[in-house]
Amino acid sequence: MGKGDQKTKRGKIINKSYGVTRARDPQRAKVNAIAHNVIVDDNKTASEAKAVVKAAAKAAEVKEEQKKADAVKAEKPADEKPAKKKEAKKE
């Protein structure tokens, strides 16, 4: 149970392998797969392809945030003013 054990996370790190106990990052794998397609289609280097993919992901994220902000604005009309509370005078 240690560095030589293939079934433990420590053993997998030492042997530079992956598996159930040491799964790869799914987001990173997705970026790498898309970058691979960009390399094949556009004849770009790996670093250029990853930069293209990350820029596209950032742009999509910004669009999503903008849509959420627009939806919030649509729910609250700007013309309406909050109603003032009337206080009863006590004498």
Foldseek 3Di string as FASTA:
>chain_A
DACCDPVAPNVCVNVVHADDNRHDDPVVVVLQVQLVVCCVPVVDDSVVSSVVSVVVVVVVVVVVVVVVVVVVCVVDDPPDDDDDDDDDDDD
